[in-house]
C-alpha cells in the first residue's frame, strides 16, 4: 500500500462517523463510575460517622457518668406512680434520666435522617 492509499482509506471515513458515539459512550461510562464512587463514599462516611458517635458515646467519661446517673435515676423512678411525681420529688435524678435520654434521642434522630 502506498501512503496515498492509506490516507484515503474508507475505513477512516467510517471510523470518523462512529467517533462521536464512542466519545459519548466513554463519557457516560465515566459519569456512571463517578456517581457510583460518590455514593459509595457517602455510605462509607455515614458508617464511619456512626461508629465515631457510638464509640465516643461509649468511651466519653461524661457519657459514662450520665449513664450511671441514668441507671440510678431509673431505679428510683420505679417507686413513683408517675413521671410528674418523680420529677417533683427527685429533680436531680429526673434530670439525669432526661439528659441521658436526650442524647440517645439525638442519636436516633441522626439515624432516622440517615445522617449515620
PDB file of N, CA and C in Angstrom:
ATOM      1  N   UNK A   1       0.832  -1.180   0.000  1.00  0.00           N
ATOM      2  CA  UNK A   1       0.000   0.000   0.000  1.00  0.00           C
ATOM      3  C   UNK A   1       0.875   1.242   0.000  1.00  0.00           C
ATOM      4  N   UNK A   2       0.506   2.142  -0.818  1.00  0.00           N
ATOM      5  CA  UNK A   2       1.236   3.407  -0.832  1.00  0.00           C
ATOM      6  C   UNK A   2       0.641   4.329   0.230  1.00  0.00           C
ATOM      7  N   UNK A   3       1.342   5.384   0.550  1.00  0.00           N
ATOM      8  CA  UNK A   3       0.865   6.303   1.587  1.00  0.00           C
ATOM      9  C   UNK A   3      -0.411   7.004   1.142  1.00  0.00           C
ATOM     10  N   UNK A   4      -0.581   7.187  -0.174  1.00  0.00           N
ATOM     11  CA  UNK A   4      -1.781   7.841  -0.673  1.00  0.00           C
ATOM     12  C   UNK A   4      -3.005   6.951  -0.467  1.00  0.00           C
ATOM     13  N   UNK A   5      -2.883   5.671  -0.644  1.00  0.00           N
ATOM     14  CA  UNK A   5      -3.977   4.732  -0.428  1.00  0.00           C
ATOM     15  C   UNK A   5      -4.315   4.663   1.054  1.00  0.00           C
ATOM     16  N   UNK A   6      -3.334   4.680   1.895  1.00  0.00           N
ATOM     17  CA  UNK A   6      -3.535   4.606   3.350  1.00  0.00           C
ATOM     18  C   UNK A   6      -4.306   5.834   3.852  1.00  0.00           C
ATOM     19  N   UNK A   7      -3.990   7.007   3.330  1.00  0.00           N
ATOM     20  CA  UNK A   7      -4.655   8.243   3.733  1.00  0.00           C
ATOM     21  C   UNK A   7      -6.105   8.263   3.250  1.00  0.00           C
ATOM     22  N   UNK A   8      -6.394   7.773   2.101  1.00  0.00           N
ATOM     23  CA  UNK A   8      -7.736   7.800   1.536  1.00  0.00           C
ATOM     24  C   UNK A   8      -8.528   6.544   1.864  1.00  0.00           C
ATOM     25  N   UNK A   9      -8.058   5.786   2.742  1.00  0.00           N
ATOM     26  CA  UNK A   9      -8.691   4.505   3.048  1.00  0.00           C
ATOM     27  C   UNK A   9     -10.103   4.731   3.597  1.00  0.00           C
ATOM     28  N   UNK A  10     -11.119   4.051   3.129  1.00  0.00           N
ATOM     29  CA  UNK A  10     -12.510   4.271   3.552  1.00  0.00           C
ATOM     30  C   UNK A  10     -12.769   3.905   5.022  1.00  0.00           C
ATOM     31  N   UNK A  11     -11.910   3.079   5.574  1.00  0.00           N
ATOM     32  CA  UNK A  11     -12.084   2.713   6.981  1.00  0.00           C
ATOM     33  C   UNK A  11     -12.055   3.939   7.886  1.00  0.00           C
ATOM     34  N   UNK A  12     -11.164   4.861   7.568  1.00  0.00           N
ATOM     35  CA  UNK A  12     -11.040   6.067   8.397  1.00  0.00           C
ATOM     36  C   UNK A  12     -12.289   6.935   8.310  1.00  0.00           C
ATOM     37  N   UNK A  13     -12.905   6.929   7.153  1.00  0.00           N
ATOM     38  CA  UNK A  13     -14.146   7.678   6.994  1.00  0.00           C
ATOM     39  C   UNK A  13     -15.259   7.058   7.850  1.00  0.00           C
ATOM     40  N   UNK A  14     -15.340   5.741   7.846  1.00  0.00           N
ATOM     41  CA  UNK A  14     -16.353   5.060   8.668  1.00  0.00           C
ATOM     42  C   UNK A  14     -16.070   5.257  10.157  1.00  0.00           C
ATOM     43  N   UNK A  15     -14.808   5.207  10.505  1.00  0.00           N
ATOM     44  CA  UNK A  15     -14.416   5.403  11.900  1.00  0.00           C
ATOM     45  C   UNK A  15     -14.740   6.820  12.362  1.00  0.00           C
ATOM     46  N   UNK A  16     -14.584   7.784  11.502  1.00  0.00           N
ATOM     47  CA  UNK A  16     -14.891   9.170  11.841  1.00  0.00           C
ATOM     48  C   UNK A  16     -16.386   9.364  12.075  1.00  0.00           C
ATOM     49  N   UNK A  17     -17.208   8.573  11.414  1.00  0.00           N
ATOM     50  CA  UNK A  17     -18.653   8.667  11.625  1.00  0.00           C
ATOM     51  C   UNK A  17     -19.065   8.096  12.989  1.00  0.00           C
ATOM     52  N   UNK A  18     -18.324   7.126  13.480  1.00  0.00           N
ATOM     53  CA  UNK A  18     -18.645   6.463  14.744  1.00  0.00           C
ATOM     54  C   UNK A  18     -17.973   7.154  15.935  1.00  0.00           C
ATOM     55  N   UNK A  19     -16.984   7.962  15.704  1.00  0.00           N
ATOM     56  CA  UNK A  19     -16.204   8.584  16.777  1.00  0.00           C
ATOM     57  C   UNK A  19     -17.054   9.379  17.769  1.00  0.00           C
ATOM     58  N   UNK A  20     -18.031  10.181  17.349  1.00  0.00           N
ATOM     59  CA  UNK A  20     -18.844  10.897  18.337  1.00  0.00           C
ATOM     60  C   UNK A  20     -19.631   9.949  19.260  1.00  0.00           C
ATOM     61  N   UNK A  21     -20.110   8.855  18.713  1.00  0.00           N
ATOM     62  CA  UNK A  21     -20.821   7.871  19.545  1.00  0.00           C
ATOM     63  C   UNK A  21     -19.877   7.228  20.559  1.00  0.00           C
ATOM     64  N   UNK A  22     -18.678   6.920  20.135  1.00  0.00           N
ATOM     65  CA  UNK A  22     -17.709   6.322  21.053  1.00  0.00           C
ATOM     66  C   UNK A  22     -17.331   7.306  22.158  1.00  0.00           C
ATOM     67  N   UNK A  23     -17.150   8.566  21.800  1.00  0.00           N
ATOM     68  CA  UNK A  23     -16.816   9.579  22.803  1.00  0.00           C
ATOM     69  C   UNK A  23     -17.950   9.748  23.807  1.00  0.00           C
ATOM     70  N   UNK A  24     -19.174   9.783  23.324  1.00  0.00           N
ATOM     71  CA  UNK A  24     -20.330   9.905  24.206  1.00  0.00           C
ATOM     72  C   UNK A  24     -20.447   8.694  25.122  1.00  0.00           C
ATOM     73  N   UNK A  25     -20.235   7.516  24.582  1.00  0.00           N
ATOM     74  CA  UNK A  25     -20.305   6.291  25.390  1.00  0.00           C
ATOM     75  C   UNK A  25     -19.249   6.294  26.491  1.00  0.00           C
ATOM     76  N   UNK A  26     -18.051   6.696  26.160  1.00  0.00           N
ATOM     77  CA  UNK A  26     -16.978   6.754  27.157  1.00  0.00           C
ATOM     78  C   UNK A  26     -17.318   7.779  28.240  1.00  0.00           C
ATOM     79  N   UNK A  27     -17.874   8.921  27.842  1.00  0.00           N
ATOM     80  CA  UNK A  27     -18.258   9.945  28.826  1.00  0.00           C
ATOM     81  C   UNK A  27     -19.362   9.429  29.746  1.00  0.00           C
ATOM     82  N   UNK A  28     -20.338   8.719  29.211  1.00  0.00           N
ATOM     83  CA  UNK A  28     -21.416   8.148  30.031  1.00  0.00           C
ATOM     84  C   UNK A  28     -20.887   7.096  31.003  1.00  0.00           C
ATOM     85  N   UNK A  29     -19.987   6.284  30.540  1.00  0.00           N
ATOM     86  CA  UNK A  29     -19.388   5.271  31.427  1.00  0.00           C
ATOM     87  C   UNK A  29     -18.606   5.947  32.548  1.00  0.00           C
ATOM     88  N   UNK A  30     -17.847   6.981  32.209  1.00  0.00           N
ATOM     89  CA  UNK A  30     -17.077   7.711  33.228  1.00  0.00           C
ATOM     90  C   UNK A  30     -18.009   8.380  34.236  1.00  0.00           C
ATOM     91  N   UNK A  31     -19.122   8.960  33.770  1.00  0.00           N
ATOM     92  CA  UNK A  31     -20.078   9.597  34.678  1.00  0.00           C
ATOM     93  C   UNK A  31     -20.730   8.561  35.590  1.00  0.00           C
ATOM     94  N   UNK A  32     -21.054   7.404  35.061  1.00  0.00           N
ATOM     95  CA  UNK A  32     -21.648   6.332  35.872  1.00  0.00           C
ATOM     96  C   UNK A  32     -20.681   5.873  36.943  1.00  0.00           C
ATOM     97  N   UNK A  33     -19.430   5.698  36.578  1.00  0.00           N
ATOM     98  CA  UNK A  33     -18.421   5.288  37.560  1.00  0.00           C
ATOM     99  C   UNK A  33     -18.263   6.364  38.635  1.00  0.00           C
ATOM    100  N   UNK A  34     -18.290   7.633  38.253  1.00  0.00           N
ATOM    101  CA  UNK A  34     -18.155   8.721  39.220  1.00  0.00           C
ATOM    102  C   UNK A  34     -19.336   8.743  40.191  1.00  0.00           C
ATOM    103  N   UNK A  35     -20.542   8.556  39.687  1.00  0.00           N
ATOM    104  CA  UNK A  35     -21.733   8.546  40.551  1.00  0.00           C
ATOM    105  C   UNK A  35     -21.683   7.374  41.520  1.00  0.00           C
ATOM    106  N   UNK A  36     -21.309   6.206  41.043  1.00  0.00           N
ATOM    107  CA  UNK A  36     -21.202   5.034  41.915  1.00  0.00           C
ATOM    108  C   UNK A  36     -20.138   5.268  42.980  1.00  0.00           C
ATOM    109  N   UNK A  37     -19.033   5.854  42.582  1.00  0.00           N
ATOM    110  CA  UNK A  37     -17.955   6.144  43.527  1.00  0.00           C
ATOM    111  C   UNK A  37     -18.408   7.122  44.606  1.00  0.00           C
ATOM    112  N   UNK A  38     -19.123   8.171  44.223  1.00  0.00           N
ATOM    113  CA  UNK A  38     -19.612   9.144  45.198  1.00  0.00           C
ATOM    114  C   UNK A  38     -20.607   8.523  46.169  1.00  0.00           C
ATOM    115  N   UNK A  39     -21.509   7.705  45.660  1.00  0.00           N
ATOM    116  CA  UNK A  39     -22.485   7.039  46.540  1.00  0.00           C
ATOM    117  C   UNK A  39     -21.791   6.097  47.516  1.00  0.00           C
ATOM    118  N   UNK A  40     -20.794   5.411  47.055  1.00  0.00           N
ATOM    119  CA  UNK A  40     -20.042   4.509  47.928  1.00  0.00           C
ATOM    120  C   UNK A  40     -19.317   5.298  49.006  1.00  0.00           C
ATOM    121  N   UNK A  41     -18.717   6.414  48.645  1.00  0.00           N
ATOM    122  CA  UNK A  41     -18.019   7.252  49.626  1.00  0.00           C
ATOM    123  C   UNK A  41     -18.981   7.800  50.665  1.00  0.00           C
ATOM    124  N   UNK A  42     -20.182   8.187  50.248  1.00  0.00           N
ATOM    125  CA  UNK A  42     -21.180   8.690  51.199  1.00  0.00           C
ATOM    126  C   UNK A  42     -21.590   7.588  52.169  1.00  0.00           C
ATOM    127  N   UNK A  43     -21.800   6.391  51.652  1.00  0.00           N
ATOM    128  CA  UNK A  43     -22.185   5.272  52.518  1.00  0.00           C
ATOM    129  C   UNK A  43     -21.086   4.955  53.525  1.00  0.00           C
ATOM    130  N   UNK A  44     -19.849   4.964  53.074  1.00  0.00           N
ATOM    131  CA  UNK A  44     -18.729   4.696  53.979  1.00  0.00           C
ATOM    132  C   UNK A  44     -18.600   5.811  55.008  1.00  0.00           C
ATOM    133  N   UNK A  45     -18.777   7.058  54.584  1.00  0.00           N
ATOM    134  CA  UNK A  45     -18.682   8.186  55.521  1.00  0.00           C
ATOM    135  C   UNK A  45     -19.777   8.109  56.584  1.00  0.00           C
ATOM    136  N   UNK A  46     -20.984   7.704  56.196  1.00  0.00           N
ATOM    137  CA  UNK A  46     -22.065   7.548  57.178  1.00  0.00           C
ATOM    138  C   UNK A  46     -21.727   6.472  58.195  1.00  0.00           C
ATOM    139  N   UNK A  47     -21.210   5.362  57.719  1.00  0.00           N
ATOM    140  CA  UNK A  47     -20.857   4.274  58.637  1.00  0.00           C
ATOM    141  C   UNK A  47     -19.747   4.708  59.591  1.00  0.00           C
ATOM    142  N   UNK A  48     -18.771   5.423  59.065  1.00  0.00           N
ATOM    143  CA  UNK A  48     -17.681   5.894  59.929  1.00  0.00           C
ATOM    144  C   UNK A  48     -18.184   6.898  60.946  1.00  0.00           C
ATOM    145  N   UNK A  49     -19.084   7.782  60.528  1.00  0.00           N
ATOM    146  CA  UNK A  49     -19.647   8.765  61.460  1.00  0.00           C
ATOM    147  C   UNK A  49     -20.440   8.072  62.560  1.00  0.00           C
ATOM    148  N   UNK A  50     -21.196   7.055  62.182  1.00  0.00           N
ATOM    149  CA  UNK A  50     -21.967   6.322  63.189  1.00  0.00           C
ATOM    150  C   UNK A  50     -21.045   5.629  64.175  1.00  0.00           C
ATOM    151  N   UNK A  51     -20.004   5.012  63.680  1.00  0.00           N
ATOM    152  CA  UNK A  51     -19.055   4.335  64.565  1.00  0.00           C
ATOM    153  C   UNK A  51     -18.383   5.347  65.478  1.00  0.00           C
ATOM    154  N   UNK A  52     -18.001   6.499  64.934  1.00  0.00           N
ATOM    155  CA  UNK A  52     -17.377   7.545  65.754  1.00  0.00           C
ATOM    156  C   UNK A  52     -18.306   8.013  66.859  1.00  0.00           C
ATOM    157  N   UNK A  53     -19.568   8.245  66.530  1.00  0.00           N
ATOM    158  CA  UNK A  53     -20.526   8.712  67.531  1.00  0.00           C
ATOM    159  C   UNK A  53     -20.727   7.660  68.607  1.00  0.00           C
ATOM    160  N   UNK A  54     -20.905   6.410  68.189  1.00  0.00           N
ATOM    161  CA  UNK A  54     -21.163   5.370  69.172  1.00  0.00           C
ATOM    162  C   UNK A  54     -19.936   5.105  70.042  1.00  0.00           C
ATOM    163  N   UNK A  55     -18.756   5.148  69.458  1.00  0.00           N
ATOM    164  CA  UNK A  55     -17.555   4.960  70.266  1.00  0.00           C
ATOM    165  C   UNK A  55     -17.350   6.127  71.219  1.00  0.00           C
ATOM    166  N   UNK A  56     -17.601   7.339  70.735  1.00  0.00           N
ATOM    167  CA  UNK A  56     -17.461   8.497  71.610  1.00  0.00           C
ATOM    168  C   UNK A  56     -18.475   8.408  72.746  1.00  0.00           C
ATOM    169  N   UNK A  57     -19.686   7.983  72.422  1.00  0.00           N
ATOM    170  CA  UNK A  57     -20.711   7.840  73.450  1.00  0.00           C
ATOM    171  C   UNK A  57     -20.297   6.797  74.484  1.00  0.00           C
ATOM    172  N   UNK A  58     -19.702   5.723  74.024  1.00  0.00           N
ATOM    173  CA  UNK A  58     -19.295   4.655  74.938  1.00  0.00           C
ATOM    174  C   UNK A  58     -18.046   5.021  75.737  1.00  0.00           C
ATOM    175  N   UNK A  59     -17.127   5.746  75.129  1.00  0.00           N
ATOM    176  CA  UNK A  59     -15.828   5.991  75.754  1.00  0.00           C
ATOM    177  C   UNK A  59     -15.761   7.317  76.529  1.00  0.00           C
ATOM    178  N   UNK A  60     -16.674   8.217  76.263  1.00  0.00           N
ATOM    179  CA  UNK A  60     -16.643   9.532  76.878  1.00  0.00           C
ATOM    180  C   UNK A  60     -16.954   9.423  78.376  1.00  0.00           C
ATOM    181  N   UNK A  61     -16.130  10.061  79.202  1.00  0.00           N
ATOM    182  CA  UNK A  61     -16.329   9.989  80.657  1.00  0.00           C
ATOM    183  C   UNK A  61     -17.627  10.670  81.076  1.00  0.00           C
ATOM    184  N   UNK A  62     -17.970  11.772  80.438  1.00  0.00           N
ATOM    185  CA  UNK A  62     -19.217  12.454  80.778  1.00  0.00           C
ATOM    186  C   UNK A  62     -20.422  11.572  80.453  1.00  0.00           C
ATOM    187  N   UNK A  63     -20.351  10.851  79.332  1.00  0.00           N
ATOM    188  CA  UNK A  63     -21.457   9.957  78.986  1.00  0.00           C
ATOM    189  C   UNK A  63     -21.511   8.756  79.924  1.00  0.00           C
ATOM    190  N   UNK A  64     -20.370   8.276  80.350  1.00  0.00           N
ATOM    191  CA  UNK A  64     -20.358   7.170  81.305  1.00  0.00           C
ATOM    192  C   UNK A  64     -20.977   7.614  82.628  1.00  0.00           C
ATOM    193  N   UNK A  65     -20.625   8.817  83.052  1.00  0.00           N
ATOM    194  CA  UNK A  65     -21.212   9.363  84.278  1.00  0.00           C
ATOM    195  C   UNK A  65     -22.722   9.555  84.102  1.00  0.00           C
ATOM    196  N   UNK A  66     -23.124  10.086  82.957  1.00  0.00           N
ATOM    197  CA  UNK A  66     -24.555  10.284  82.690  1.00  0.00           C
ATOM    198  C   UNK A  66     -25.294   8.957  82.671  1.00  0.00           C
ATOM    199  N   UNK A  67     -24.655   7.934  82.138  1.00  0.00           N
ATOM    200  CA  UNK A  67     -25.295   6.617  82.109  1.00  0.00           C
ATOM    201  C   UNK A  67     -25.474   6.059  83.521  1.00  0.00           C
ATOM    202  N   UNK A  68     -24.456   6.193  84.337  1.00  0.00           N
ATOM    203  CA  UNK A  68     -24.559   5.692  85.712  1.00  0.00           C
ATOM    204  C   UNK A  68     -25.634   6.443  86.488  1.00  0.00           C
ATOM    205  N   UNK A  69     -25.698   7.765  86.296  1.00  0.00           N
ATOM    206  CA  UNK A  69     -26.745   8.548  86.942  1.00  0.00           C
ATOM    207  C   UNK A  69     -28.121   8.190  86.393  1.00  0.00           C
ATOM    208  N   UNK A  70     -28.181   7.889  85.117  1.00  0.00           N
ATOM    209  CA  UNK A  70     -29.432   7.450  84.490  1.00  0.00           C
ATOM    210  C   UNK A  70     -29.912   6.144  85.115  1.00  0.00           C
ATOM    211  N   UNK A  71     -28.993   5.203  85.236  1.00  0.00           N
ATOM    212  CA  UNK A  71     -29.354   3.916  85.849  1.00  0.00           C
ATOM    213  C   UNK A  71     -29.870   4.117  87.277  1.00  0.00           C
ATOM    214  N   UNK A  72     -29.191   4.959  88.036  1.00  0.00           N
ATOM    215  CA  UNK A  72     -29.608   5.240  89.407  1.00  0.00           C
ATOM    216  C   UNK A  72     -30.985   5.906  89.426  1.00  0.00           C
ATOM    217  N   UNK A  73     -31.179   6.885  88.567  1.00  0.00           N
ATOM    218  CA  UNK A  73     -32.463   7.572  88.483  1.00  0.00           C
ATOM    219  C   UNK A  73     -33.581   6.664  88.034  1.00  0.00           C
ATOM    220  N   UNK A  74     -33.256   5.760  87.134  1.00  0.00           N
ATOM    221  CA  UNK A  74     -34.264   4.815  86.649  1.00  0.00           C
ATOM    222  C   UNK A  74     -34.726   3.888  87.766  1.00  0.00           C
ATOM    223  N   UNK A  75     -33.782   3.442  88.583  1.00  0.00           N
ATOM    224  CA  UNK A  75     -34.149   2.591  89.730  1.00  0.00           C
ATOM    225  C   UNK A  75     -35.061   3.359  90.693  1.00  0.00           C
ATOM    226  N   UNK A  76     -34.731   4.628  90.930  1.00  0.00           N
ATOM    227  CA  UNK A  76     -35.528   5.454  91.846  1.00  0.00           C
ATOM    228  C   UNK A  76     -36.920   5.733  91.289  1.00  0.00           C
ATOM    229  N   UNK A  77     -37.021   5.869  89.980  1.00  0.00           N
ATOM    230  CA  UNK A  77     -38.299   6.251  89.372  1.00  0.00           C
ATOM    231  C   UNK A  77     -39.370   5.182  89.526  1.00  0.00           C
ATOM    232  N   UNK A  78     -38.965   3.950  89.738  1.00  0.00           N
ATOM    233  CA  UNK A  78     -39.964   2.875  89.851  1.00  0.00           C
ATOM    234  C   UNK A  78     -40.793   2.983  91.125  1.00  0.00           C
ATOM    235  N   UNK A  79     -40.312   3.740  92.094  1.00  0.00           N
ATOM    236  CA  UNK A  79     -41.064   3.870  93.343  1.00  0.00           C
ATOM    237  C   UNK A  79     -42.104   4.994  93.285  1.00  0.00           C
ATOM    238  N   UNK A  80     -42.195   5.678  92.138  1.00  0.00           N
ATOM    239  CA  UNK A  80     -43.167   6.765  91.994  1.00  0.00           C
ATOM    240  C   UNK A  80     -44.224   6.362  90.974  1.00  0.00           C
ATOM    241  N   UNK A  81     -45.473   6.763  91.210  1.00  0.00           N
ATOM    242  CA  UNK A  81     -46.551   6.352  90.304  1.00  0.00           C
ATOM    243  C   UNK A  81     -46.505   7.026  88.928  1.00  0.00           C
ATOM    244  N   UNK A  82     -45.933   8.227  88.849  1.00  0.00           N
ATOM    245  CA  UNK A  82     -45.879   8.913  87.550  1.00  0.00           C
ATOM    246  C   UNK A  82     -44.555   9.665  87.420  1.00  0.00           C
ATOM    247  N   UNK A  83     -44.241  10.026  86.174  1.00  0.00           N
ATOM    248  CA  UNK A  83     -43.021  10.788  85.912  1.00  0.00           C
ATOM    249  C   UNK A  83     -43.110  12.176  86.531  1.00  0.00           C
ATOM    250  N   UNK A  84     -44.319  12.717  86.612  1.00  0.00           N
ATOM    251  CA  UNK A  84     -44.513  14.036  87.227  1.00  0.00           C
ATOM    252  C   UNK A  84     -44.166  14.004  88.716  1.00  0.00           C
ATOM    253  N   UNK A  85     -44.615  12.959  89.385  1.00  0.00           N
ATOM    254  CA  UNK A  85     -44.285  12.823  90.810  1.00  0.00           C
ATOM    255  C   UNK A  85     -42.785  12.641  91.005  1.00  0.00           C
ATOM    256  N   UNK A  86     -42.176  11.848  90.138  1.00  0.00           N
ATOM    257  CA  UNK A  86     -40.735  11.605  90.209  1.00  0.00           C
ATOM    258  C   UNK A  86     -39.963  12.905  89.997  1.00  0.00           C
ATOM    259  N   UNK A  87     -40.393  13.733  89.029  1.00  0.00           N
ATOM    260  CA  UNK A  87     -39.681  14.985  88.737  1.00  0.00           C
ATOM    261  C   UNK A  87     -39.778  15.969  89.895  1.00  0.00           C
ATOM    262  N   UNK A  88     -40.891  15.938  90.626  1.00  0.00           N
ATOM    263  CA  UNK A  88     -41.048  16.852  91.758  1.00  0.00           C
ATOM    264  C   UNK A  88     -40.301  16.358  92.992  1.00  0.00           C
ATOM    265  N   UNK A  89     -40.283  15.055  93.219  1.00  0.00           N
ATOM    266  CA  UNK A  89     -39.648  14.511  94.414  1.00  0.00           C
ATOM    267  C   UNK A  89     -38.130  14.412  94.275  1.00  0.00           C
ATOM    268  N   UNK A  90     -37.652  14.040  93.106  1.00  0.00           N
ATOM    269  CA  UNK A  90     -36.211  13.831  92.861  1.00  0.00           C
ATOM    270  C   UNK A  90     -35.793  14.598  91.602  1.00  0.00           C
ATOM    271  N   UNK A  91     -35.720  15.919  91.646  1.00  0.00           N
ATOM    272  CA  UNK A  91     -35.434  16.671  90.411  1.00  0.00           C
ATOM    273  C   UNK A  91     -34.056  16.386  89.821  1.00  0.00           C
ATOM    274  N   UNK A  92     -33.051  16.141  90.658  1.00  0.00           N
ATOM    275  CA  UNK A  92     -31.704  15.871  90.113  1.00  0.00           C
ATOM    276  C   UNK A  92     -31.654  14.527  89.396  1.00  0.00           C
ATOM    277  N   UNK A  93     -32.265  13.538  89.974  1.00  0.00           N
ATOM    278  CA  UNK A  93     -32.260  12.212  89.334  1.00  0.00           C
ATOM    279  C   UNK A  93     -33.146  12.221  88.092  1.00  0.00           C
ATOM    280  N   UNK A  94     -34.238  12.963  88.163  1.00  0.00           N
ATOM    281  CA  UNK A  94     -35.107  13.099  86.991  1.00  0.00           C
ATOM    282  C   UNK A  94     -34.339  13.743  85.834  1.00  0.00           C
ATOM    283  N   UNK A  95     -33.575  14.797  86.132  1.00  0.00           N
ATOM    284  CA  UNK A  95     -32.787  15.466  85.089  1.00  0.00           C
ATOM    285  C   UNK A  95     -31.679  14.558  84.559  1.00  0.00           C
ATOM    286  N   UNK A  96     -31.118  13.714  85.429  1.00  0.00           N
ATOM    287  CA  UNK A  96     -30.087  12.773  84.968  1.00  0.00           C
ATOM    288  C   UNK A  96     -30.678  11.801  83.949  1.00  0.00           C
ATOM    289  N   UNK A  97     -31.896  11.340  84.222  1.00  0.00           N
ATOM    290  CA  UNK A  97     -32.575  10.437  83.279  1.00  0.00           C
ATOM    291  C   UNK A  97     -32.862  11.177  81.978  1.00  0.00           C
ATOM    292  N   UNK A  98     -33.341  12.408  82.078  1.00  0.00           N
ATOM    293  CA  UNK A  98     -33.666  13.183  80.881  1.00  0.00           C
ATOM    294  C   UNK A  98     -32.435  13.485  80.035  1.00  0.00           C
ATOM    295  N   UNK A  99     -31.327  13.825  80.684  1.00  0.00           N
ATOM    296  CA  UNK A  99     -30.102  14.150  79.937  1.00  0.00           C
ATOM    297  C   UNK A  99     -29.651  12.950  79.112  1.00  0.00           C
ATOM    298  N   UNK A 100     -29.635  11.792  79.726  1.00  0.00           N
ATOM    299  CA  UNK A 100     -29.183  10.592  79.011  1.00  0.00           C
ATOM    300  C   UNK A 100     -30.147  10.235  77.883  1.00  0.00           C
ATOM    301  N   UNK A 101     -31.435  10.342  78.152  1.00  0.00           N
ATOM    302  CA  UNK A 101     -32.418  10.033  77.108  1.00  0.00           C
ATOM    303  C   UNK A 101     -32.380  11.059  75.975  1.00  0.00           C
ATOM    304  N   UNK A 102     -32.069  12.318  76.295  1.00  0.00           N
ATOM    305  CA  UNK A 102     -31.952  13.343  75.257  1.00  0.00           C
ATOM    306  C   UNK A 102     -30.800  13.034  74.300  1.00  0.00           C
ATOM    307  N   UNK A 103     -29.679  12.586  74.845  1.00  0.00           N
ATOM    308  CA  UNK A 103     -28.537  12.230  73.990  1.00  0.00           C
ATOM    309  C   UNK A 103     -28.910  11.062  73.081  1.00  0.00           C
ATOM    310  N   UNK A 104     -29.565  10.064  73.651  1.00  0.00           N
ATOM    311  CA  UNK A 104     -29.980   8.922  72.832  1.00  0.00           C
ATOM    312  C   UNK A 104     -31.007   9.326  71.783  1.00  0.00           C
ATOM    313  N   UNK A 105     -31.865  10.275  72.118  1.00  0.00           N
ATOM    314  CA  UNK A 105     -32.842  10.757  71.150  1.00  0.00           C
ATOM    315  C   UNK A 105     -32.144  11.446  69.979  1.00  0.00           C
ATOM    316  N   UNK A 106     -31.124  12.236  70.271  1.00  0.00           N
ATOM    317  CA  UNK A 106     -30.380  12.894  69.188  1.00  0.00           C
ATOM    318  C   UNK A 106     -29.711  11.878  68.276  1.00  0.00           C
ATOM    319  N   UNK A 107     -29.176  10.833  68.848  1.00  0.00           N
ATOM    320  CA  UNK A 107     -28.563   9.780  68.033  1.00  0.00           C
ATOM    321  C   UNK A 107     -29.621   9.118  67.163  1.00  0.00           C
ATOM    322  N   UNK A 108     -30.799   8.854  67.742  1.00  0.00           N
ATOM    323  CA  UNK A 108     -31.884   8.227  66.978  1.00  0.00           C
ATOM    324  C   UNK A 108     -32.370   9.130  65.845  1.00  0.00           C
ATOM    325  N   UNK A 109     -32.441  10.418  66.093  1.00  0.00           N
ATOM    326  CA  UNK A 109     -32.837  11.351  65.037  1.00  0.00           C
ATOM    327  C   UNK A 109     -31.823  11.322  63.906  1.00  0.00           C
ATOM    328  N   UNK A 110     -30.540  11.268  64.257  1.00  0.00           N
ATOM    329  CA  UNK A 110     -29.500  11.156  63.226  1.00  0.00           C
ATOM    330  C   UNK A 110     -29.629   9.889  62.407  1.00  0.00           C
ATOM    331  N   UNK A 111     -29.998   8.802  63.063  1.00  0.00           N
ATOM    332  CA  UNK A 111     -30.190   7.542  62.338  1.00  0.00           C
ATOM    333  C   UNK A 111     -31.412   7.630  61.425  1.00  0.00           C
ATOM    334  N   UNK A 112     -32.513   8.171  61.950  1.00  0.00           N
ATOM    335  CA  UNK A 112     -33.729   8.295  61.124  1.00  0.00           C
ATOM    336  C   UNK A 112     -33.538   9.223  59.938  1.00  0.00           C
ATOM    337  N   UNK A 113     -32.743  10.260  60.090  1.00  0.00           N
ATOM    338  CA  UNK A 113     -32.465  11.182  58.991  1.00  0.00           C
ATOM    339  C   UNK A 113     -31.358  10.680  58.078  1.00  0.00           C
ATOM    340  N   UNK A 114     -30.872   9.484  58.363  1.00  0.00           N
ATOM    341  CA  UNK A 114     -29.806   8.845  57.586  1.00  0.00           C
ATOM    342  C   UNK A 114     -28.525   9.669  57.598  1.00  0.00           C
ATOM    343  N   UNK A 115     -28.286  10.359  58.729  1.00  0.00           N
ATOM    344  CA  UNK A 115     -27.021  11.056  58.897  1.00  0.00           C
ATOM    345  C   UNK A 115     -25.925  10.080  59.289  1.00  0.00           C
ATOM    346  N   UNK A 116     -26.320   8.982  59.885  1.00  0.00           N
ATOM    347  CA  UNK A 116     -25.373   7.940  60.280  1.00  0.00           C
ATOM    348  C   UNK A 116     -25.554   6.742  59.396  1.00  0.00           C
TER     349      UNK A 116
END
